[in-house]
N, C-alpha and C. Protein backbone atom coordinates (compact mmCIF):
# COMPACT_ATOMS: atom_id res chain seq x y z
N MET A 1 75.88 -20.24 -95.66
CA MET A 1 77.36 -20.29 -95.47
C MET A 1 77.81 -19.55 -94.19
N GLY A 2 77.73 -20.35 -93.17
CA GLY A 2 78.39 -19.49 -92.09
C GLY A 2 79.55 -20.09 -91.55
N LEU A 3 79.95 -19.74 -90.52
CA LEU A 3 81.74 -19.81 -89.87
C LEU A 3 81.50 -21.10 -88.64
N LYS A 4 82.62 -21.91 -89.29
CA LYS A 4 82.64 -23.32 -88.18
C LYS A 4 83.07 -22.64 -86.87
N THR A 5 82.59 -22.53 -85.88
CA THR A 5 82.25 -22.31 -85.01
C THR A 5 82.32 -23.51 -83.58
N PHE A 6 83.64 -23.86 -82.76
CA PHE A 6 83.16 -24.40 -81.73
C PHE A 6 82.29 -24.15 -80.69
N LEU A 7 81.82 -22.82 -80.64
CA LEU A 7 80.81 -22.60 -79.40
C LEU A 7 79.50 -22.74 -79.86
N ARG A 8 78.90 -23.10 -77.83
CA ARG A 8 77.71 -23.90 -77.84
C ARG A 8 76.89 -22.82 -76.76
N LYS A 9 75.78 -23.34 -77.11
CA LYS A 9 74.97 -22.51 -75.83
C LYS A 9 75.43 -22.76 -74.78
N GLY A 10 75.50 -22.04 -74.03
CA GLY A 10 75.62 -21.93 -72.22
C GLY A 10 77.20 -21.60 -72.04
N ASP A 11 77.68 -22.03 -72.80
CA ASP A 11 79.25 -21.60 -72.91
C ASP A 11 79.90 -20.15 -72.14
N GLU A 12 80.46 -19.81 -71.17
CA GLU A 12 81.37 -19.12 -71.20
C GLU A 12 82.20 -18.39 -71.65
N VAL A 13 81.66 -16.86 -72.20
CA VAL A 13 82.62 -16.03 -73.59
C VAL A 13 83.09 -15.12 -72.81
N ILE A 14 84.57 -14.05 -73.16
CA ILE A 14 84.62 -12.76 -72.62
C ILE A 14 84.66 -12.26 -74.10
N VAL A 15 84.51 -11.09 -74.41
CA VAL A 15 84.23 -9.95 -75.99
C VAL A 15 85.68 -9.72 -75.57
N LEU A 16 85.94 -10.12 -77.12
CA LEU A 16 87.49 -9.40 -77.13
C LEU A 16 87.91 -7.77 -77.98
N SER A 17 86.63 -7.69 -78.13
CA SER A 17 86.43 -5.72 -79.14
C SER A 17 84.74 -5.34 -79.46
N GLY A 18 85.15 -4.44 -79.29
CA GLY A 18 84.03 -3.28 -79.51
C GLY A 18 83.42 -2.56 -77.95
N LYS A 19 82.28 -2.27 -77.94
CA LYS A 19 81.79 -1.68 -77.26
C LYS A 19 81.90 -1.88 -75.69
N ASP A 20 81.28 -4.01 -75.62
CA ASP A 20 81.56 -4.34 -74.08
C ASP A 20 82.70 -5.14 -74.53
N LYS A 21 84.11 -4.82 -74.64
CA LYS A 21 85.45 -5.31 -74.27
C LYS A 21 85.67 -5.89 -73.11
N ASP A 22 86.09 -7.00 -73.03
CA ASP A 22 86.40 -7.35 -71.42
C ASP A 22 84.87 -7.93 -70.50
N LYS A 23 83.76 -8.15 -71.43
CA LYS A 23 82.81 -8.44 -70.30
C LYS A 23 82.31 -9.69 -70.38
N ARG A 24 82.12 -10.71 -69.73
CA ARG A 24 82.13 -12.19 -69.76
C ARG A 24 80.24 -12.66 -69.56
N GLY A 25 79.60 -13.16 -70.26
CA GLY A 25 78.90 -14.05 -70.03
C GLY A 25 78.25 -14.98 -70.47
N LYS A 26 77.28 -15.57 -70.48
CA LYS A 26 77.08 -17.24 -71.25
C LYS A 26 76.47 -17.10 -72.10
N ILE A 27 76.48 -17.85 -73.42
CA ILE A 27 75.89 -17.78 -74.65
C ILE A 27 74.31 -18.17 -74.28
N GLN A 28 73.54 -17.46 -75.23
CA GLN A 28 72.05 -17.28 -75.27
C GLN A 28 72.02 -18.56 -76.31
N ARG A 29 72.20 -18.28 -77.47
CA ARG A 29 72.15 -18.67 -78.63
C ARG A 29 73.30 -18.40 -79.92
N VAL A 30 73.36 -19.71 -80.40
CA VAL A 30 74.46 -20.00 -81.60
C VAL A 30 73.88 -19.76 -83.07
N LEU A 31 74.11 -18.45 -83.68
CA LEU A 31 73.47 -18.36 -85.03
C LEU A 31 74.77 -18.86 -86.02
N ARG A 32 74.33 -20.35 -86.02
CA ARG A 32 76.07 -21.51 -87.04
C ARG A 32 75.74 -20.11 -88.28
N SER A 33 74.30 -19.61 -89.20
CA SER A 33 74.75 -19.74 -90.39
C SER A 33 75.00 -18.51 -90.39
N LYS A 34 74.78 -17.32 -89.11
CA LYS A 34 75.79 -16.07 -89.99
C LYS A 34 76.87 -15.83 -89.27
N GLY A 35 77.31 -17.30 -88.81
CA GLY A 35 78.70 -17.00 -87.60
C GLY A 35 78.45 -16.25 -86.63
N MET A 36 77.30 -15.71 -85.92
CA MET A 36 77.32 -15.18 -84.65
C MET A 36 76.65 -15.36 -83.78
N VAL A 37 76.70 -15.05 -82.26
CA VAL A 37 76.40 -15.82 -80.80
C VAL A 37 75.54 -14.15 -80.41
N ILE A 38 74.69 -14.92 -79.68
CA ILE A 38 73.57 -13.71 -78.72
C ILE A 38 74.86 -14.29 -77.11
N VAL A 39 75.25 -13.48 -76.55
CA VAL A 39 75.72 -13.72 -75.32
C VAL A 39 74.77 -12.59 -74.09
N GLU A 40 74.40 -13.44 -72.87
CA GLU A 40 73.82 -12.84 -71.65
C GLU A 40 74.06 -11.32 -70.87
N GLY A 41 73.59 -10.25 -71.47
CA GLY A 41 73.86 -9.00 -71.39
C GLY A 41 75.02 -8.49 -72.02
N VAL A 42 75.50 -8.97 -73.42
CA VAL A 42 76.17 -8.43 -73.81
C VAL A 42 75.99 -7.47 -75.45
N ASN A 43 75.97 -6.67 -75.59
CA ASN A 43 75.83 -5.97 -76.55
C ASN A 43 73.99 -5.55 -76.79
N LEU A 44 73.51 -4.67 -75.63
CA LEU A 44 72.15 -4.62 -75.49
C LEU A 44 71.79 -3.36 -76.21
N VAL A 45 70.93 -3.81 -76.55
CA VAL A 45 69.67 -2.16 -77.19
C VAL A 45 68.37 -1.95 -76.82
N LYS A 46 68.29 -0.73 -76.54
CA LYS A 46 67.04 -0.20 -76.21
C LYS A 46 65.73 -0.35 -77.07
N LYS A 47 64.58 -1.32 -77.10
CA LYS A 47 64.00 -1.65 -78.24
C LYS A 47 62.80 -0.82 -77.80
N HIS A 48 61.83 -0.20 -78.01
CA HIS A 48 60.49 0.42 -77.34
C HIS A 48 59.52 -0.77 -78.24
N ALA A 49 58.74 -1.16 -76.92
CA ALA A 49 57.74 -2.71 -76.86
C ALA A 49 56.48 -2.11 -76.86
N ARG A 50 55.86 -2.23 -78.00
CA ARG A 50 54.32 -1.77 -77.95
C ARG A 50 53.16 -3.17 -77.14
N PRO A 51 52.52 -2.35 -75.97
CA PRO A 51 51.65 -3.16 -74.93
C PRO A 51 50.50 -4.47 -75.51
N THR A 52 51.35 -5.65 -75.31
CA THR A 52 50.94 -6.49 -75.68
C THR A 52 50.39 -7.42 -74.16
N LYS A 53 49.48 -8.58 -74.83
CA LYS A 53 48.76 -9.93 -73.94
C LYS A 53 50.17 -9.84 -72.50
N ASN A 54 51.42 -10.34 -73.13
CA ASN A 54 52.69 -10.91 -72.63
C ASN A 54 52.96 -9.70 -71.52
N ASN A 55 52.99 -8.56 -72.05
CA ASN A 55 53.54 -7.41 -71.58
C ASN A 55 52.81 -6.10 -71.83
N PRO A 56 51.32 -6.03 -70.60
CA PRO A 56 50.91 -4.93 -70.89
C PRO A 56 50.95 -4.27 -70.99
N GLN A 57 52.47 -3.44 -70.27
CA GLN A 57 53.08 -2.27 -69.84
C GLN A 57 53.68 -1.44 -70.76
N GLY A 58 54.21 -2.04 -71.93
CA GLY A 58 54.87 -2.03 -73.40
C GLY A 58 56.29 -1.31 -72.25
N GLY A 59 56.56 0.12 -72.77
CA GLY A 59 57.86 0.66 -72.49
C GLY A 59 58.82 0.55 -73.59
N VAL A 60 60.26 0.77 -73.08
CA VAL A 60 61.24 0.24 -73.60
C VAL A 60 61.92 -0.67 -72.46
N ILE A 61 62.70 -1.87 -73.18
CA ILE A 61 62.93 -2.80 -72.61
C ILE A 61 64.73 -2.95 -73.47
N ASP A 62 65.46 -3.98 -72.60
CA ASP A 62 66.96 -4.04 -72.91
C ASP A 62 66.74 -5.68 -74.19
N LYS A 63 67.65 -5.23 -75.01
CA LYS A 63 67.52 -6.31 -76.17
C LYS A 63 68.94 -6.94 -76.05
N ALA A 64 69.57 -8.24 -76.09
CA ALA A 64 70.72 -8.86 -76.66
C ALA A 64 70.85 -8.64 -78.09
N MET A 65 71.97 -8.44 -78.45
CA MET A 65 71.72 -8.26 -80.39
C MET A 65 72.90 -9.45 -80.44
N PRO A 66 73.10 -9.99 -81.81
CA PRO A 66 73.59 -10.77 -81.99
C PRO A 66 75.49 -10.00 -82.41
N LEU A 67 76.53 -11.15 -82.19
CA LEU A 67 77.85 -10.40 -82.05
C LEU A 67 78.22 -11.99 -82.81
N ASN A 68 78.84 -10.81 -83.51
CA ASN A 68 80.27 -12.07 -84.22
C ASN A 68 81.18 -13.03 -83.29
N ALA A 69 81.01 -14.08 -83.97
CA ALA A 69 81.96 -14.78 -83.02
C ALA A 69 83.12 -15.06 -83.27
N ALA A 70 83.43 -14.58 -83.86
CA ALA A 70 85.26 -13.73 -83.86
C ALA A 70 85.96 -13.12 -83.06
N LYS A 71 84.45 -12.37 -82.48
CA LYS A 71 84.93 -11.25 -81.39
C LYS A 71 84.37 -11.67 -79.91
N VAL A 72 84.49 -12.63 -79.35
CA VAL A 72 84.14 -13.36 -78.33
C VAL A 72 85.64 -14.59 -78.07
N MET A 73 85.91 -15.05 -77.34
CA MET A 73 87.56 -16.18 -76.75
C MET A 73 86.44 -16.73 -75.39
N LEU A 74 86.42 -18.09 -75.32
CA LEU A 74 85.92 -19.19 -74.82
C LEU A 74 86.85 -18.81 -73.21
N VAL A 75 86.28 -19.04 -72.27
CA VAL A 75 86.76 -19.01 -70.73
C VAL A 75 86.49 -20.15 -70.47
N CYS A 76 88.09 -20.51 -70.22
CA CYS A 76 88.38 -21.94 -69.09
C CYS A 76 87.54 -22.43 -68.14
N ASN A 77 87.15 -23.61 -67.78
CA ASN A 77 86.79 -24.26 -66.62
C ASN A 77 87.55 -24.40 -65.51
N GLY A 78 88.73 -24.82 -66.14
CA GLY A 78 90.09 -25.71 -65.72
C GLY A 78 90.32 -24.02 -64.61
N CYS A 79 90.85 -23.46 -65.93
CA CYS A 79 92.00 -22.04 -65.34
C CYS A 79 91.16 -21.23 -65.58
N GLY A 80 90.23 -20.84 -65.87
CA GLY A 80 89.41 -19.43 -65.39
C GLY A 80 90.14 -18.60 -66.81
N GLN A 81 90.99 -19.20 -67.54
CA GLN A 81 91.22 -17.54 -68.27
C GLN A 81 90.60 -18.27 -69.40
N PRO A 82 90.42 -16.98 -70.58
CA PRO A 82 90.53 -16.93 -71.97
C PRO A 82 91.32 -18.09 -72.73
N ALA A 83 90.65 -18.86 -73.41
CA ALA A 83 92.23 -20.08 -73.67
C ALA A 83 91.19 -20.62 -75.32
N ARG A 84 91.83 -20.78 -76.45
CA ARG A 84 91.61 -20.89 -77.60
C ARG A 84 91.61 -22.91 -77.20
N ILE A 85 90.32 -22.96 -78.51
CA ILE A 85 90.08 -24.82 -78.01
C ILE A 85 90.88 -25.68 -78.84
N GLY A 86 91.13 -27.01 -78.74
CA GLY A 86 91.18 -27.65 -79.29
C GLY A 86 90.58 -28.98 -79.24
N ARG A 87 90.80 -29.50 -80.42
CA ARG A 87 90.28 -30.51 -80.30
C ARG A 87 90.45 -32.13 -80.22
N ASP A 88 90.06 -33.31 -79.79
CA ASP A 88 91.02 -34.40 -78.93
C ASP A 88 89.94 -35.55 -79.25
N ARG A 89 90.46 -36.69 -79.64
CA ARG A 89 89.14 -37.85 -79.38
C ARG A 89 90.10 -38.73 -78.28
N THR A 90 89.18 -39.28 -77.82
CA THR A 90 88.63 -39.65 -76.63
C THR A 90 88.88 -41.73 -76.69
N PRO A 91 89.26 -42.39 -75.85
CA PRO A 91 89.58 -43.66 -76.41
C PRO A 91 88.41 -44.76 -77.42
N ASP A 92 87.55 -43.75 -77.47
CA ASP A 92 85.60 -44.43 -77.63
C ASP A 92 85.71 -44.20 -79.09
N GLY A 93 86.50 -43.23 -79.21
CA GLY A 93 86.77 -42.29 -80.67
C GLY A 93 86.30 -40.77 -80.53
N SER A 94 85.19 -40.65 -79.52
CA SER A 94 84.42 -39.53 -79.64
C SER A 94 85.54 -38.12 -79.80
N LEU A 95 84.74 -37.24 -80.33
CA LEU A 95 85.76 -35.68 -80.04
C LEU A 95 85.35 -34.91 -79.05
N VAL A 96 86.06 -34.35 -78.02
CA VAL A 96 85.85 -33.28 -77.12
C VAL A 96 86.66 -31.75 -77.44
N ARG A 97 85.79 -31.46 -76.81
CA ARG A 97 86.89 -29.86 -76.73
C ARG A 97 87.65 -30.01 -75.88
N ILE A 98 88.43 -29.19 -75.95
CA ILE A 98 89.97 -29.33 -74.54
C ILE A 98 90.57 -27.32 -74.50
N CYS A 99 90.71 -27.32 -73.51
CA CYS A 99 91.81 -25.87 -73.52
C CYS A 99 93.08 -26.25 -73.90
N LYS A 100 93.56 -25.15 -74.88
CA LYS A 100 94.67 -25.28 -75.04
C LYS A 100 96.04 -24.51 -74.09
N LYS A 101 94.95 -24.48 -72.92
CA LYS A 101 96.39 -24.14 -72.02
C LYS A 101 96.40 -25.10 -70.83
N CYS A 102 95.13 -25.54 -70.46
CA CYS A 102 95.67 -26.68 -69.32
C CYS A 102 95.37 -27.79 -69.78
N GLY A 103 94.73 -28.12 -70.78
CA GLY A 103 94.26 -29.24 -71.36
C GLY A 103 92.64 -29.54 -70.86
N HIS A 104 92.05 -28.97 -69.96
CA HIS A 104 90.73 -29.04 -69.53
C HIS A 104 89.81 -30.21 -70.53
N ASN A 105 89.32 -30.51 -69.89
CA ASN A 105 88.13 -31.21 -71.53
C ASN A 105 86.25 -30.70 -71.08
N TYR A 106 86.09 -29.81 -71.69
CA TYR A 106 84.81 -28.64 -72.16
C TYR A 106 83.33 -30.02 -71.36
N ASP A 107 83.43 -30.56 -72.93
CA ASP A 107 82.56 -31.55 -72.82
C ASP A 107 81.85 -32.82 -71.54
């Protein structure tokens, strides 16, 4: 039972609160069941990796951890500002996401 979110992989978002406030990044993955998103370059933690075939050196790597979807806001491609997302029907009947500030179509 996850949070209903209109965010999708590849969307550019801005972080609203926490240690990475005001950082921007692209969504790498959406975890709908948990209501979380993984954003590139945000909420990084140090992970100690054992040497493997893929990573023979091992060592400490930075890993992006999930962030609550309520802590991020979509950045509009049209106006370049963080904006709320609305939904609108096209003439052929399909739903599209729109920016509530400038009306830009995301899809």
